[in-house]
Amino acid sequence: MNSLSYLNHLPQFPDPMQALDEPNGLLAVGGDLSPTRLVEAYYQGIFPWFNDDDPILWWSPHPRAVFTPQAQPLNKTMRKCLKKSTWRFTINHAFAEVIKACSEPRASEQGTWISSDIQNAYIKLHSLGKAHSIEVWDDKTLVGGLYGIAVGSVFCGESMFHRQTNASKAAFAMLNQHIAKHGFKLIDAQIMNPHLENLGAKPVPRNEFLQTLKQLRNQVIDNQAWVTQEVYFDI
């Protein structure tokens, strides 16, 4: 039977395959949110997720929700949505604004797990070129977006938001096209839920995900992928 590890007493993460069955995927407690610790976590298929009044909790769930990026034309529904909108899309123009917007509680939620500590930690990762955002703008107003971590040819999605209907779906569609063009092979969406399933996420066993991650995490991606830029859909 697997037991929980306490990182305050360990120099490194335990094997992700040792994560608990209940709660699903809980692997370790404690440690810190330093860039070194976070980069090592994602490199091993581990991510932090905890409430503001909890200790830092680290997870590697089974199964894992994933997407395969595809640089294909948009489906009919998204094309119709974009024709009605005046949105424009950017990469890494407003990372701090995106993560702050993602931290705002949804109508169905009491609070947020994206605390000020989480925000500051990922803003540091962004400054180091490890974390990235996609923004959706209506004129000069930020109306949607997402952020995540790049690990080789894997994009580890963290959160998305919208202030106009379908703006987060449009941000995800842009991410999908953009990273497929630049050689990414996988999007890690972490824990399956109905929204991700509707977007096309597939569940894969933890061991299969970790094996794929080992094959992809050291691949070198074109450095033009994440320069600050405006981006456009292949309709």
Protein backbone atom coordinates (compact mmCIF):
# COMPACT_ATOMS: atom_id res chain seq x y z
CA MET A 1 0.00 0.00 0.00
CA ASN A 2 1.41 3.41 -0.99
CA SER A 3 2.06 6.01 1.70
CA LEU A 4 2.25 9.78 1.53
CA SER A 5 5.65 11.48 1.30
CA TYR A 6 6.50 14.71 3.10
CA LEU A 7 8.82 16.86 1.01
CA ASN A 8 10.07 18.93 3.93
CA HIS A 9 12.14 15.86 4.79
CA LEU A 10 13.00 14.76 1.23
CA PRO A 11 15.32 16.38 -1.34
CA GLN A 12 13.26 15.15 -4.29
CA PHE A 13 9.87 13.81 -5.33
CA PRO A 14 8.97 10.15 -4.89
CA ASP A 15 8.10 8.02 -7.91
CA PRO A 16 4.73 9.27 -9.29
CA MET A 17 3.55 5.66 -9.51
CA GLN A 18 3.47 5.70 -5.70
CA ALA A 19 0.59 8.22 -5.67
CA LEU A 20 -2.43 7.31 -3.55
CA ASP A 21 -5.58 5.76 -4.96
CA GLU A 22 -7.67 7.85 -2.56
CA PRO A 23 -7.61 10.76 -2.90
CA ASN A 24 -6.78 9.91 -6.49
CA GLY A 25 -3.23 10.91 -7.34
CA LEU A 26 -2.08 12.56 -4.13
CA LEU A 27 1.68 11.94 -4.00
CA ALA A 28 3.37 14.30 -1.56
CA VAL A 29 2.88 17.15 0.90
CA GLY A 30 4.99 20.20 1.63
CA GLY A 31 8.12 21.56 0.00
CA ASP A 32 7.96 24.90 -1.74
CA LEU A 33 6.90 26.59 -4.99
CA SER A 34 10.38 27.60 -6.11
CA PRO A 35 11.06 27.53 -9.87
CA THR A 36 13.45 24.60 -9.40
CA ARG A 37 10.86 22.54 -7.51
CA LEU A 38 8.07 23.34 -9.98
CA VAL A 39 10.15 22.58 -13.08
CA GLU A 40 11.22 19.26 -11.56
CA ALA A 41 7.60 18.43 -10.72
CA TYR A 42 6.30 18.96 -14.25
CA TYR A 43 9.31 17.13 -15.68
CA GLN A 44 8.16 14.07 -13.69
CA GLY A 45 4.43 14.43 -14.41
CA ILE A 46 3.57 15.96 -11.03
CA PHE A 47 1.70 19.20 -10.35
CA PRO A 48 0.66 21.25 -7.28
CA TRP A 49 -3.02 21.69 -6.42
CA PHE A 50 -4.22 22.85 -3.01
CA ASN A 51 -6.50 25.34 -1.28
CA ASP A 52 -5.11 28.51 0.25
CA ASP A 53 -5.40 27.17 3.81
CA ASP A 54 -3.87 23.74 2.97
CA PRO A 55 -0.22 22.70 2.88
CA ILE A 56 1.24 22.37 -0.63
CA LEU A 57 -0.16 19.16 -2.15
CA TRP A 58 1.45 17.41 -5.15
CA TRP A 59 -0.49 15.14 -7.51
CA SER A 60 -0.10 12.55 -10.26
CA PRO A 61 -3.61 11.22 -10.94
CA HIS A 62 -4.80 8.08 -12.70
CA PRO A 63 -6.05 8.27 -15.37
CA ARG A 64 -4.61 11.44 -16.92
CA ALA A 65 -6.60 13.73 -19.24
CA VAL A 66 -4.67 14.50 -22.44
CA PHE A 67 -5.11 16.02 -25.89
CA THR A 68 -3.11 15.48 -29.07
CA PRO A 69 -2.41 18.89 -30.67
CA GLN A 70 -3.57 19.10 -34.27
CA ALA A 71 -2.83 21.91 -36.72
CA GLN A 72 -6.09 21.40 -38.56
CA PRO A 73 -8.70 23.90 -39.73
CA LEU A 74 -11.31 24.92 -37.16
CA ASN A 75 -14.58 23.09 -36.90
CA LYS A 76 -17.77 24.68 -38.17
CA THR A 77 -18.95 25.82 -34.73
CA MET A 78 -15.73 27.67 -33.90
CA ARG A 79 -15.52 29.25 -37.37
CA LYS A 80 -19.05 30.56 -36.92
CA CYS A 81 -18.21 31.89 -33.46
CA LEU A 82 -15.10 33.72 -34.71
CA LYS A 83 -16.92 35.28 -37.66
CA LYS A 84 -19.34 36.89 -35.21
CA SER A 85 -16.58 38.16 -32.91
CA THR A 86 -13.99 40.91 -33.12
CA TRP A 87 -11.46 38.95 -31.05
CA ARG A 88 -7.73 38.96 -31.59
CA PHE A 89 -5.22 36.54 -30.08
CA THR A 90 -1.76 36.95 -28.58
CA ILE A 91 0.97 34.84 -27.00
CA ASN A 92 2.65 35.93 -23.75
CA HIS A 93 1.37 39.50 -23.86
CA ALA A 94 -0.32 39.50 -20.44
CA PHE A 95 0.66 36.43 -18.42
CA ALA A 96 0.09 38.03 -15.01
CA GLU A 97 -3.34 39.30 -16.08
CA VAL A 98 -4.33 35.87 -17.37
CA ILE A 99 -3.37 33.98 -14.22
CA LYS A 100 -5.11 36.61 -12.08
CA ALA A 101 -8.28 36.24 -14.18
CA CYS A 102 -8.05 32.44 -13.88
CA SER A 103 -7.88 32.85 -10.10
CA GLU A 104 -11.25 34.61 -9.89
CA PRO A 105 -13.85 32.18 -8.46
CA ARG A 106 -16.42 30.77 -10.88
CA ALA A 107 -20.10 31.26 -10.13
CA SER A 108 -20.39 27.65 -8.95
CA GLU A 109 -17.31 27.79 -6.69
CA GLN A 110 -16.68 29.15 -3.23
CA GLY A 111 -13.02 30.04 -3.66
CA THR A 112 -9.96 29.45 -5.79
CA TRP A 113 -6.88 27.24 -5.63
CA ILE A 114 -4.87 29.83 -7.61
CA SER A 115 -3.72 31.74 -4.55
CA SER A 116 -1.40 34.74 -4.55
CA ASP A 117 1.48 32.35 -3.79
CA ILE A 118 0.60 30.23 -6.84
CA GLN A 119 0.30 33.35 -9.00
CA ASN A 120 3.68 34.68 -7.89
CA ALA A 121 5.34 31.29 -8.41
CA TYR A 122 4.07 30.90 -11.97
CA ILE A 123 4.83 34.52 -12.85
CA LYS A 124 8.44 33.69 -11.88
CA LEU A 125 8.30 30.66 -14.16
CA HIS A 126 7.00 32.88 -16.93
CA SER A 127 9.92 35.30 -16.45
CA LEU A 128 12.24 32.30 -16.87
CA GLY A 129 10.58 31.28 -20.13
CA LYS A 130 8.91 28.16 -18.69
CA ALA A 131 5.27 29.28 -18.33
CA HIS A 132 3.19 30.77 -21.15
CA SER A 133 -0.17 32.35 -21.81
CA ILE A 134 -2.60 32.77 -24.66
CA GLU A 135 -4.79 35.87 -24.54
CA VAL A 136 -8.10 36.69 -26.22
CA TRP A 137 -8.81 40.40 -26.66
CA ASP A 138 -11.89 42.36 -27.64
CA ASP A 139 -10.26 45.63 -28.70
CA LYS A 140 -8.02 46.33 -25.67
CA THR A 141 -10.06 44.32 -23.16
CA LEU A 142 -8.88 40.88 -22.06
CA VAL A 143 -11.89 38.58 -22.44
CA GLY A 144 -10.37 35.11 -22.27
CA GLY A 145 -7.19 33.12 -22.03
CA LEU A 146 -5.23 30.23 -20.58
CA TYR A 147 -1.80 29.48 -19.17
CA GLY A 148 0.46 26.48 -18.69
CA ILE A 149 3.97 25.09 -18.61
CA ALA A 150 6.06 23.86 -21.56
CA VAL A 151 8.08 20.68 -20.90
CA GLY A 152 9.89 19.63 -24.08
CA SER A 153 7.13 18.92 -26.61
CA VAL A 154 4.43 18.66 -23.89
CA PHE A 155 2.25 21.62 -22.90
CA CYS A 156 0.93 21.22 -19.36
CA GLY A 157 -2.30 23.22 -19.22
CA GLU A 158 -3.12 24.79 -15.87
CA SER A 159 -6.27 26.91 -16.14
CA MET A 160 -8.40 28.97 -18.51
CA PHE A 161 -11.03 31.68 -18.16
CA HIS A 162 -13.58 33.62 -20.17
CA ARG A 163 -15.42 36.90 -19.78
CA GLN A 164 -17.28 36.51 -23.05
CA THR A 165 -19.04 33.33 -24.16
CA ASN A 166 -16.70 30.80 -25.82
CA ALA A 167 -13.58 32.95 -25.33
CA SER A 168 -11.81 30.22 -23.34
CA LYS A 169 -12.72 27.63 -26.00
CA ALA A 170 -11.26 29.95 -28.61
CA ALA A 171 -8.08 30.34 -26.54
CA PHE A 172 -7.77 26.55 -26.36
CA ALA A 173 -8.38 26.19 -30.11
CA MET A 174 -5.61 28.73 -30.73
CA LEU A 175 -3.27 26.88 -28.37
CA ASN A 176 -4.02 23.65 -30.20
CA GLN A 177 -3.18 25.07 -33.64
CA HIS A 178 -0.20 27.10 -32.48
CA ILE A 179 1.69 24.42 -30.60
CA ALA A 180 0.97 21.74 -33.23
CA LYS A 181 2.72 23.96 -35.79
CA HIS A 182 5.73 24.18 -33.50
CA GLY A 183 6.14 20.46 -32.96
CA PHE A 184 4.33 19.83 -29.67
CA LYS A 185 3.02 16.29 -29.35
CA LEU A 186 0.84 16.34 -26.22
CA ILE A 187 -1.32 18.60 -24.06
CA ASP A 188 -1.58 17.47 -20.44
CA ALA A 189 -4.92 18.56 -19.02
CA GLN A 190 -4.33 16.72 -15.71
CA ILE A 191 -7.72 15.60 -14.33
CA MET A 192 -10.60 14.62 -16.59
CA ASN A 193 -13.88 16.48 -16.18
CA PRO A 194 -16.99 16.92 -18.38
CA HIS A 195 -15.73 20.23 -19.82
CA LEU A 196 -12.41 18.71 -20.93
CA GLU A 197 -14.20 15.66 -22.30
CA ASN A 198 -16.42 17.94 -24.39
CA LEU A 199 -13.30 19.62 -25.76
CA GLY A 200 -11.96 16.22 -26.82
CA ALA A 201 -9.69 15.13 -23.96
CA LYS A 202 -8.94 11.42 -23.66
CA PRO A 203 -8.12 9.52 -20.44
CA VAL A 204 -4.85 7.59 -20.43
CA PRO A 205 -3.45 5.38 -17.64
CA ARG A 206 -0.87 7.07 -15.42
CA ASN A 207 1.94 4.70 -16.42
CA GLU A 208 1.24 5.30 -20.13
CA PHE A 209 1.25 9.07 -19.61
CA LEU A 210 4.54 8.94 -17.68
CA GLN A 211 6.19 6.81 -20.37
CA THR A 212 5.08 9.25 -23.07
CA LEU A 213 6.30 12.18 -20.99
CA LYS A 214 9.76 10.57 -20.67
CA GLN A 215 9.92 10.30 -24.47
CA LEU A 216 8.86 13.91 -25.07
CA ARG A 217 10.15 16.00 -22.16
CA ASN A 218 13.67 16.54 -23.55
CA GLN A 219 12.64 17.37 -27.11
CA VAL A 220 13.81 20.79 -28.28
CA ILE A 221 11.09 23.12 -29.58
CA ASP A 222 11.55 26.04 -31.98
CA ASN A 223 12.27 29.07 -29.77
CA GLN A 224 9.92 31.19 -31.89
CA ALA A 225 6.95 29.35 -30.39
CA TRP A 226 6.83 31.53 -27.28
CA VAL A 227 8.10 34.93 -28.37
CA THR A 228 5.58 37.67 -27.62
CA GLN A 229 3.42 37.82 -30.73
CA GLU A 230 -0.01 38.21 -32.23
CA VAL A 231 -1.34 34.98 -33.72
CA TYR A 232 -4.02 34.08 -36.25
CA PHE A 233 -6.20 31.06 -36.92
CA ASP A 234 -5.99 28.80 -39.92
CA ILE A 235 -9.70 28.89 -40.64
